[in-house]
Amino acid sequence: MTLDEVNALPAQDFVARYGALFEHSPWVVERAAALRPFANLHTGLMQALEAASAEEKLALIRAHPELAGKAAIDKTLTEASTAEQASAGLDRLTPEEFARFHALNAAYRAAHDMPFIICVRLTDKAGILAAMEARAANDTATEVATSLGEIGKIVKLRLEDMA
């Protein structure tokens, strides 16, 4: 679709098309629909997120699954998250790697009360593990901002996949 066609979509169709871009959080796209027309779709979507309250942003972050976590094991990840985690090899972890991810996820959640978020398509297992270790020591406000930036990268790649 061209940007003009996207901007002309009825709100319901816009949300139906883009509502899954933000993990279990179609409200971002619902709000973005009211901000159109956009000069850039990704920028417009991110403006809707930026306008959200701190509580809403935290809810969006918490809607994301842990990397190589329970949802991956239970096969309850969204289709996009399943593909993204597989692209980084998180569906093929050794028992030792799985144990390390589990421990780092638990430490991060204990420190920040939210899942660790990184755009896995832009890194690999080693990069993810290194980032998990490094970022656990950050203050939570920094991690919220970093997580929202990573969500922006995820959304941008998901949009590119739709093109």
N, C-alpha and C. Protein backbone atom coordinates (compact mmCIF):
# COMPACT_ATOMS: atom_id res chain seq x y z
N MET A 1 0.83 -1.19 0.00
CA MET A 1 0.00 0.00 0.00
C MET A 1 0.87 1.25 0.00
N THR A 2 0.40 2.25 -0.69
CA THR A 2 1.10 3.53 -0.65
C THR A 2 0.74 4.24 0.65
N LEU A 3 1.53 5.21 1.01
CA LEU A 3 1.24 5.98 2.22
C LEU A 3 -0.09 6.71 2.09
N ASP A 4 -0.40 7.19 0.90
CA ASP A 4 -1.69 7.85 0.69
C ASP A 4 -2.84 6.88 0.95
N GLU A 5 -2.69 5.63 0.49
CA GLU A 5 -3.72 4.62 0.73
C GLU A 5 -3.84 4.29 2.22
N VAL A 6 -2.70 4.21 2.90
CA VAL A 6 -2.70 3.95 4.35
C VAL A 6 -3.42 5.09 5.08
N ASN A 7 -3.10 6.32 4.70
CA ASN A 7 -3.72 7.48 5.34
C ASN A 7 -5.22 7.55 5.08
N ALA A 8 -5.67 6.99 3.97
CA ALA A 8 -7.08 7.03 3.60
C ALA A 8 -7.90 5.88 4.17
N LEU A 9 -7.24 4.89 4.75
CA LEU A 9 -7.97 3.74 5.30
C LEU A 9 -8.94 4.19 6.39
N PRO A 10 -10.14 3.62 6.40
CA PRO A 10 -11.00 3.85 7.56
C PRO A 10 -10.27 3.36 8.82
N ALA A 11 -10.51 4.00 9.95
CA ALA A 11 -9.79 3.68 11.19
C ALA A 11 -9.85 2.18 11.50
N GLN A 12 -11.01 1.59 11.33
CA GLN A 12 -11.18 0.16 11.62
C GLN A 12 -10.25 -0.69 10.74
N ASP A 13 -10.12 -0.34 9.48
CA ASP A 13 -9.25 -1.08 8.57
C ASP A 13 -7.77 -0.83 8.88
N PHE A 14 -7.46 0.39 9.28
CA PHE A 14 -6.10 0.72 9.68
C PHE A 14 -5.68 -0.13 10.87
N VAL A 15 -6.55 -0.21 11.86
CA VAL A 15 -6.26 -1.01 13.06
C VAL A 15 -6.20 -2.50 12.71
N ALA A 16 -7.09 -2.95 11.84
CA ALA A 16 -7.06 -4.36 11.44
C ALA A 16 -5.74 -4.70 10.74
N ARG A 17 -5.24 -3.79 9.95
CA ARG A 17 -4.01 -4.04 9.20
C ARG A 17 -2.76 -3.95 10.08
N TYR A 18 -2.71 -2.99 11.00
CA TYR A 18 -1.49 -2.71 11.75
C TYR A 18 -1.58 -3.00 13.25
N GLY A 19 -2.71 -3.43 13.72
CA GLY A 19 -2.93 -3.60 15.16
C GLY A 19 -1.99 -4.55 15.85
N ALA A 20 -1.43 -5.51 15.14
CA ALA A 20 -0.54 -6.49 15.77
C ALA A 20 0.92 -6.04 15.80
N LEU A 21 1.23 -4.88 15.26
CA LEU A 21 2.62 -4.42 15.23
C LEU A 21 3.20 -4.27 16.63
N PHE A 22 2.39 -3.81 17.56
CA PHE A 22 2.82 -3.64 18.95
C PHE A 22 2.28 -4.82 19.74
N GLU A 23 3.17 -5.58 20.31
CA GLU A 23 2.86 -6.84 20.97
C GLU A 23 1.65 -6.74 21.91
N HIS A 24 0.56 -7.41 21.55
CA HIS A 24 -0.66 -7.47 22.38
C HIS A 24 -1.13 -6.08 22.81
N SER A 25 -0.90 -5.08 21.99
CA SER A 25 -1.23 -3.71 22.36
C SER A 25 -1.79 -2.92 21.17
N PRO A 26 -2.95 -3.34 20.65
CA PRO A 26 -3.52 -2.63 19.49
C PRO A 26 -3.92 -1.19 19.81
N TRP A 27 -3.98 -0.85 21.09
CA TRP A 27 -4.35 0.51 21.46
C TRP A 27 -3.41 1.56 20.86
N VAL A 28 -2.15 1.20 20.67
CA VAL A 28 -1.21 2.16 20.09
C VAL A 28 -1.65 2.51 18.67
N VAL A 29 -2.00 1.49 17.91
CA VAL A 29 -2.42 1.70 16.53
C VAL A 29 -3.79 2.39 16.48
N GLU A 30 -4.66 2.06 17.41
CA GLU A 30 -5.97 2.73 17.48
C GLU A 30 -5.77 4.24 17.66
N ARG A 31 -4.86 4.60 18.55
CA ARG A 31 -4.60 6.03 18.76
C ARG A 31 -3.90 6.66 17.56
N ALA A 32 -3.02 5.91 16.94
CA ALA A 32 -2.32 6.43 15.77
C ALA A 32 -3.28 6.71 14.63
N ALA A 33 -4.33 5.92 14.51
CA ALA A 33 -5.30 6.11 13.43
C ALA A 33 -5.87 7.53 13.46
N ALA A 34 -6.04 8.06 14.66
CA ALA A 34 -6.61 9.40 14.80
C ALA A 34 -5.60 10.51 14.50
N LEU A 35 -4.33 10.16 14.41
CA LEU A 35 -3.28 11.16 14.16
C LEU A 35 -2.98 11.35 12.68
N ARG A 36 -3.57 10.52 11.84
CA ARG A 36 -3.29 10.62 10.40
C ARG A 36 -3.84 11.91 9.83
N PRO A 37 -3.27 12.38 8.73
CA PRO A 37 -2.35 11.70 7.83
C PRO A 37 -0.90 11.78 8.32
N PHE A 38 -0.15 10.74 7.97
CA PHE A 38 1.26 10.66 8.31
C PHE A 38 2.12 10.97 7.09
N ALA A 39 3.26 11.59 7.35
CA ALA A 39 4.28 11.74 6.31
C ALA A 39 5.14 10.47 6.27
N ASN A 40 5.17 9.76 7.43
CA ASN A 40 5.91 8.51 7.56
C ASN A 40 5.14 7.64 8.54
N LEU A 41 4.77 6.44 8.13
CA LEU A 41 3.92 5.58 8.96
C LEU A 41 4.61 5.22 10.27
N HIS A 42 5.86 4.79 10.22
CA HIS A 42 6.55 4.41 11.45
C HIS A 42 6.64 5.59 12.42
N THR A 43 6.99 6.74 11.91
CA THR A 43 7.08 7.93 12.76
C THR A 43 5.73 8.24 13.39
N GLY A 44 4.67 8.14 12.63
CA GLY A 44 3.33 8.39 13.16
C GLY A 44 2.95 7.41 14.25
N LEU A 45 3.26 6.14 14.03
CA LEU A 45 2.97 5.14 15.05
C LEU A 45 3.75 5.42 16.33
N MET A 46 5.00 5.79 16.18
CA MET A 46 5.82 6.06 17.35
C MET A 46 5.36 7.34 18.06
N GLN A 47 4.82 8.30 17.33
CA GLN A 47 4.28 9.50 17.97
C GLN A 47 3.09 9.13 18.86
N ALA A 48 2.28 8.19 18.40
CA ALA A 48 1.15 7.74 19.22
C ALA A 48 1.67 7.09 20.50
N LEU A 49 2.72 6.33 20.39
CA LEU A 49 3.30 5.70 21.58
C LEU A 49 3.91 6.75 22.51
N GLU A 50 4.63 7.68 21.95
CA GLU A 50 5.26 8.74 22.76
C GLU A 50 4.23 9.54 23.55
N ALA A 51 3.03 9.69 23.00
CA ALA A 51 1.97 10.46 23.67
C ALA A 51 1.29 9.68 24.79
N ALA A 52 1.56 8.39 24.89
CA ALA A 52 0.93 7.56 25.92
C ALA A 52 1.48 7.91 27.30
N SER A 53 0.71 7.55 28.30
CA SER A 53 1.15 7.79 29.68
C SER A 53 2.28 6.82 30.05
N ALA A 54 2.97 7.13 31.11
CA ALA A 54 4.04 6.26 31.60
C ALA A 54 3.49 4.87 31.93
N GLU A 55 2.30 4.82 32.50
CA GLU A 55 1.69 3.53 32.85
C GLU A 55 1.36 2.73 31.60
N GLU A 56 0.87 3.40 30.56
CA GLU A 56 0.56 2.70 29.32
C GLU A 56 1.83 2.18 28.64
N LYS A 57 2.88 2.98 28.66
CA LYS A 57 4.14 2.53 28.07
C LYS A 57 4.66 1.31 28.81
N LEU A 58 4.58 1.34 30.13
CA LEU A 58 5.03 0.19 30.92
C LEU A 58 4.16 -1.03 30.63
N ALA A 59 2.88 -0.84 30.45
CA ALA A 59 1.99 -1.96 30.10
C ALA A 59 2.38 -2.56 28.75
N LEU A 60 2.74 -1.71 27.78
CA LEU A 60 3.20 -2.21 26.49
C LEU A 60 4.47 -3.04 26.66
N ILE A 61 5.41 -2.54 27.42
CA ILE A 61 6.65 -3.28 27.65
C ILE A 61 6.33 -4.62 28.30
N ARG A 62 5.48 -4.61 29.28
CA ARG A 62 5.14 -5.85 30.00
C ARG A 62 4.32 -6.82 29.15
N ALA A 63 3.75 -6.35 28.05
CA ALA A 63 3.01 -7.25 27.15
C ALA A 63 3.95 -8.11 26.31
N HIS A 64 5.24 -7.77 26.31
CA HIS A 64 6.22 -8.54 25.53
C HIS A 64 6.63 -9.80 26.28
N PRO A 65 6.90 -10.85 25.54
CA PRO A 65 7.34 -12.10 26.18
C PRO A 65 8.81 -12.03 26.56
N GLU A 66 9.19 -12.84 27.55
CA GLU A 66 10.61 -12.98 27.84
C GLU A 66 11.27 -13.74 26.70
N LEU A 67 12.52 -13.44 26.45
CA LEU A 67 13.26 -14.12 25.40
C LEU A 67 13.57 -15.54 25.84
N ALA A 68 13.24 -16.50 24.98
CA ALA A 68 13.43 -17.93 25.28
C ALA A 68 12.75 -18.29 26.59
N GLY A 69 11.62 -17.67 26.86
CA GLY A 69 10.92 -17.87 28.12
C GLY A 69 9.74 -18.81 28.00
N LYS A 70 8.86 -18.72 28.99
CA LYS A 70 7.72 -19.63 29.11
C LYS A 70 6.84 -19.64 27.86
N ALA A 71 6.57 -18.47 27.30
CA ALA A 71 5.70 -18.41 26.11
C ALA A 71 6.33 -19.15 24.93
N ALA A 72 7.65 -19.08 24.82
CA ALA A 72 8.33 -19.80 23.73
C ALA A 72 8.22 -21.30 23.94
N ILE A 73 8.38 -21.72 25.18
CA ILE A 73 8.29 -23.15 25.50
C ILE A 73 6.88 -23.65 25.28
N ASP A 74 5.91 -22.88 25.74
CA ASP A 74 4.49 -23.25 25.62
C ASP A 74 3.94 -23.07 24.22
N LYS A 75 4.72 -22.48 23.32
CA LYS A 75 4.30 -22.20 21.94
C LYS A 75 3.12 -21.23 21.91
N THR A 76 3.16 -20.22 22.83
CA THR A 76 2.09 -19.23 22.87
C THR A 76 2.57 -17.84 22.44
N LEU A 77 3.76 -17.77 21.86
CA LEU A 77 4.24 -16.50 21.32
C LEU A 77 3.39 -16.11 20.12
N THR A 78 3.33 -14.82 19.84
CA THR A 78 2.69 -14.40 18.60
C THR A 78 3.52 -14.94 17.44
N GLU A 79 2.91 -14.98 16.27
CA GLU A 79 3.62 -15.45 15.08
C GLU A 79 4.88 -14.61 14.83
N ALA A 80 4.75 -13.30 14.98
CA ALA A 80 5.90 -12.41 14.75
C ALA A 80 7.00 -12.67 15.76
N SER A 81 6.66 -12.80 17.04
CA SER A 81 7.67 -13.05 18.07
C SER A 81 8.35 -14.39 17.87
N THR A 82 7.58 -15.40 17.46
CA THR A 82 8.16 -16.71 17.21
C THR A 82 9.22 -16.61 16.11
N ALA A 83 8.89 -15.94 15.01
CA ALA A 83 9.84 -15.79 13.90
C ALA A 83 11.04 -14.97 14.32
N GLU A 84 10.80 -13.91 15.08
CA GLU A 84 11.90 -13.05 15.50
C GLU A 84 12.87 -13.78 16.43
N GLN A 85 12.33 -14.50 17.40
CA GLN A 85 13.20 -15.24 18.31
C GLN A 85 13.95 -16.34 17.56
N ALA A 86 13.30 -16.98 16.61
CA ALA A 86 13.96 -18.02 15.81
C ALA A 86 15.09 -17.42 14.97
N SER A 87 14.90 -16.19 14.49
CA SER A 87 15.94 -15.56 13.66
C SER A 87 17.24 -15.38 14.42
N ALA A 88 17.16 -15.28 15.74
CA ALA A 88 18.35 -15.13 16.57
C ALA A 88 18.80 -16.47 17.17
N GLY A 89 18.13 -17.54 16.77
CA GLY A 89 18.51 -18.86 17.26
C GLY A 89 17.98 -19.20 18.64
N LEU A 90 17.03 -18.41 19.13
CA LEU A 90 16.53 -18.65 20.48
C LEU A 90 15.62 -19.87 20.57
N ASP A 91 15.27 -20.43 19.43
CA ASP A 91 14.47 -21.66 19.42
C ASP A 91 15.37 -22.90 19.36
N ARG A 92 16.67 -22.68 19.38
CA ARG A 92 17.62 -23.79 19.28
C ARG A 92 18.71 -23.66 20.34
N LEU A 93 18.33 -23.40 21.57
CA LEU A 93 19.30 -23.22 22.63
C LEU A 93 19.74 -24.56 23.22
N THR A 94 20.99 -24.61 23.60
CA THR A 94 21.46 -25.77 24.35
C THR A 94 20.88 -25.68 25.76
N PRO A 95 20.89 -26.76 26.51
CA PRO A 95 20.41 -26.66 27.90
C PRO A 95 21.16 -25.59 28.71
N GLU A 96 22.45 -25.44 28.47
CA GLU A 96 23.23 -24.43 29.18
C GLU A 96 22.81 -23.02 28.79
N GLU A 97 22.60 -22.80 27.49
CA GLU A 97 22.15 -21.49 27.02
C GLU A 97 20.76 -21.17 27.57
N PHE A 98 19.89 -22.16 27.55
CA PHE A 98 18.54 -21.95 28.08
C PHE A 98 18.61 -21.56 29.56
N ALA A 99 19.43 -22.25 30.32
CA ALA A 99 19.57 -21.94 31.75
C ALA A 99 20.09 -20.52 31.94
N ARG A 100 21.02 -20.11 31.10
CA ARG A 100 21.57 -18.75 31.20
C ARG A 100 20.50 -17.71 30.87
N PHE A 101 19.74 -17.94 29.80
CA PHE A 101 18.65 -17.02 29.46
C PHE A 101 17.65 -16.94 30.61
N HIS A 102 17.30 -18.09 31.16
CA HIS A 102 16.33 -18.13 32.26
C HIS A 102 16.84 -17.31 33.45
N ALA A 103 18.10 -17.50 33.81
CA ALA A 103 18.67 -16.79 34.95
C ALA A 103 18.73 -15.28 34.68
N LEU A 104 19.15 -14.90 33.48
CA LEU A 104 19.23 -13.48 33.15
C LEU A 104 17.85 -12.84 33.06
N ASN A 105 16.87 -13.56 32.51
CA ASN A 105 15.49 -13.04 32.49
C ASN A 105 15.01 -12.79 33.92
N ALA A 106 15.26 -13.74 34.82
CA ALA A 106 14.81 -13.60 36.20
C ALA A 106 15.50 -12.43 36.89
N ALA A 107 16.80 -12.28 36.67
CA ALA A 107 17.53 -11.17 37.29
C ALA A 107 17.04 -9.83 36.76
N TYR A 108 16.81 -9.75 35.46
CA TYR A 108 16.33 -8.51 34.86
C TYR A 108 14.95 -8.16 35.39
N ARG A 109 14.06 -9.16 35.43
CA ARG A 109 12.70 -8.91 35.92
C ARG A 109 12.75 -8.48 37.39
N ALA A 110 13.62 -9.10 38.18
CA ALA A 110 13.74 -8.72 39.59
C ALA A 110 14.22 -7.28 39.73
N ALA A 111 15.11 -6.86 38.85
CA ALA A 111 15.66 -5.51 38.91
C ALA A 111 14.69 -4.45 38.41
N HIS A 112 13.89 -4.80 37.39
CA HIS A 112 13.08 -3.77 36.70
C HIS A 112 11.59 -4.05 36.64
N ASP A 113 11.14 -5.20 37.08
CA ASP A 113 9.72 -5.57 37.07
C ASP A 113 9.11 -5.49 35.67
N MET A 114 9.89 -5.95 34.69
CA MET A 114 9.43 -6.01 33.31
C MET A 114 10.35 -6.95 32.55
N PRO A 115 9.90 -7.43 31.40
CA PRO A 115 10.78 -8.30 30.62
C PRO A 115 11.86 -7.51 29.90
N PHE A 116 12.97 -8.15 29.65
CA PHE A 116 14.05 -7.56 28.87
C PHE A 116 13.61 -7.51 27.42
N ILE A 117 13.77 -6.35 26.78
CA ILE A 117 13.37 -6.20 25.38
C ILE A 117 14.57 -5.73 24.57
N ILE A 118 14.78 -6.43 23.47
CA ILE A 118 15.80 -6.06 22.50
C ILE A 118 15.29 -6.51 21.14
N CYS A 119 15.64 -5.78 20.12
CA CYS A 119 15.25 -6.17 18.76
C CYS A 119 16.17 -7.32 18.35
N VAL A 120 15.71 -8.54 18.55
CA VAL A 120 16.56 -9.72 18.34
C VAL A 120 16.98 -9.89 16.89
N ARG A 121 16.23 -9.33 15.98
CA ARG A 121 16.58 -9.47 14.56
C ARG A 121 17.83 -8.67 14.20
N LEU A 122 18.25 -7.78 15.07
CA LEU A 122 19.43 -6.97 14.79
C LEU A 122 20.66 -7.44 15.57
N THR A 123 20.58 -8.63 16.17
CA THR A 123 21.71 -9.15 16.93
C THR A 123 21.69 -10.68 16.89
N ASP A 124 22.47 -11.29 17.73
CA ASP A 124 22.51 -12.75 17.81
C ASP A 124 22.48 -13.16 19.28
N LYS A 125 22.55 -14.47 19.54
CA LYS A 125 22.47 -14.95 20.93
C LYS A 125 23.50 -14.29 21.82
N ALA A 126 24.75 -14.25 21.35
CA ALA A 126 25.81 -13.68 22.16
C ALA A 126 25.55 -12.20 22.45
N GLY A 127 25.09 -11.47 21.45
CA GLY A 127 24.78 -10.05 21.63
C GLY A 127 23.62 -9.83 22.59
N ILE A 128 22.63 -10.70 22.50
CA ILE A 128 21.48 -10.60 23.39
C ILE A 128 21.91 -10.85 24.83
N LEU A 129 22.67 -11.93 25.04
CA LEU A 129 23.13 -12.26 26.39
C LEU A 129 24.00 -11.14 26.96
N ALA A 130 24.89 -10.60 26.16
CA ALA A 130 25.74 -9.51 26.63
C ALA A 130 24.90 -8.29 27.01
N ALA A 131 23.91 -7.97 26.20
CA ALA A 131 23.03 -6.83 26.50
C ALA A 131 22.21 -7.08 27.76
N MET A 132 21.74 -8.31 27.93
CA MET A 132 20.97 -8.63 29.14
C MET A 132 21.83 -8.41 30.39
N GLU A 133 23.06 -8.87 30.34
CA GLU A 133 23.95 -8.71 31.48
C GLU A 133 24.25 -7.23 31.73
N ALA A 134 24.56 -6.50 30.69
CA ALA A 134 24.93 -5.09 30.84
C ALA A 134 23.75 -4.23 31.29
N ARG A 135 22.60 -4.45 30.71
CA ARG A 135 21.47 -3.57 30.98
C ARG A 135 20.80 -3.85 32.32
N ALA A 136 20.99 -5.01 32.89
CA ALA A 136 20.38 -5.31 34.18
C ALA A 136 20.81 -4.32 35.25
N ALA A 137 22.01 -3.78 35.12
CA ALA A 137 22.54 -2.85 36.11
C ALA A 137 22.02 -1.42 35.93
N ASN A 138 21.37 -1.13 34.82
CA ASN A 138 20.85 0.22 34.58
C ASN A 138 19.70 0.52 35.53
N ASP A 139 19.40 1.80 35.69
CA ASP A 139 18.21 2.17 36.46
C ASP A 139 16.98 1.90 35.60
N THR A 140 15.85 1.75 36.23
CA THR A 140 14.63 1.35 35.53
C THR A 140 14.18 2.40 34.53
N ALA A 141 14.33 3.67 34.83
CA ALA A 141 13.92 4.71 33.88
C ALA A 141 14.73 4.58 32.58
N THR A 142 16.00 4.31 32.70
CA THR A 142 16.83 4.11 31.51
C THR A 142 16.35 2.89 30.74
N GLU A 143 16.01 1.84 31.46
CA GLU A 143 15.56 0.62 30.80
C GLU A 143 14.20 0.78 30.13
N VAL A 144 13.32 1.55 30.72
CA VAL A 144 12.04 1.83 30.07
C VAL A 144 12.30 2.55 28.74
N ALA A 145 13.13 3.58 28.77
CA ALA A 145 13.44 4.32 27.54
C ALA A 145 14.12 3.43 26.52
N THR A 146 15.07 2.61 26.96
CA THR A 146 15.76 1.71 26.04
C THR A 146 14.79 0.69 25.46
N SER A 147 13.91 0.16 26.28
CA SER A 147 12.93 -0.82 25.81
C SER A 147 12.00 -0.21 24.77
N LEU A 148 11.56 1.01 25.00
CA LEU A 148 10.69 1.67 24.02
C LEU A 148 11.42 1.90 22.70
N GLY A 149 12.70 2.24 22.77
CA GLY A 149 13.50 2.37 21.56
C GLY A 149 13.62 1.05 20.81
N GLU A 150 13.81 -0.03 21.56
CA GLU A 150 13.88 -1.36 20.95
C GLU A 150 12.55 -1.75 20.32
N ILE A 151 11.45 -1.40 20.98
CA ILE A 151 10.12 -1.67 20.42
C ILE A 151 9.97 -0.91 19.10
N GLY A 152 10.47 0.31 19.04
CA GLY A 152 10.43 1.07 17.80
C GLY A 152 11.16 0.35 16.68
N LYS A 153 12.31 -0.24 16.98
CA LYS A 153 13.06 -1.01 15.98
C LYS A 153 12.26 -2.25 15.54
N ILE A 154 11.65 -2.92 16.49
CA ILE A 154 10.84 -4.11 16.19
C ILE A 154 9.70 -3.73 15.26
N VAL A 155 9.00 -2.66 15.59
CA VAL A 155 7.86 -2.21 14.79
C VAL A 155 8.32 -1.83 13.38
N LYS A 156 9.45 -1.15 13.28
CA LYS A 156 9.96 -0.76 11.96
C LYS A 156 10.23 -1.99 11.09
N LEU A 157 10.86 -3.02 11.66
CA LEU A 157 11.11 -4.23 10.89
C LEU A 157 9.82 -4.97 10.55
N ARG A 158 8.87 -4.97 11.46
CA ARG A 158 7.59 -5.62 11.16
C ARG A 158 6.86 -4.88 10.05
N LEU A 159 6.94 -3.56 10.04
CA LEU A 159 6.35 -2.78 8.94
C LEU A 159 7.03 -3.11 7.62
N GLU A 160 8.35 -3.20 7.63
CA GLU A 160 9.07 -3.53 6.41
C GLU A 160 8.66 -4.91 5.89
N ASP A 161 8.39 -5.84 6.80
CA ASP A 161 7.94 -7.18 6.40
C ASP A 161 6.59 -7.13 5.69
N MET A 162 5.78 -6.14 6.03
CA MET A 162 4.44 -6.01 5.45
C MET A 162 4.47 -5.38 4.06
N ALA A 163 5.56 -4.71 3.74
CA ALA A 163 5.64 -3.97 2.48
C ALA A 163 5.70 -4.90 1.28
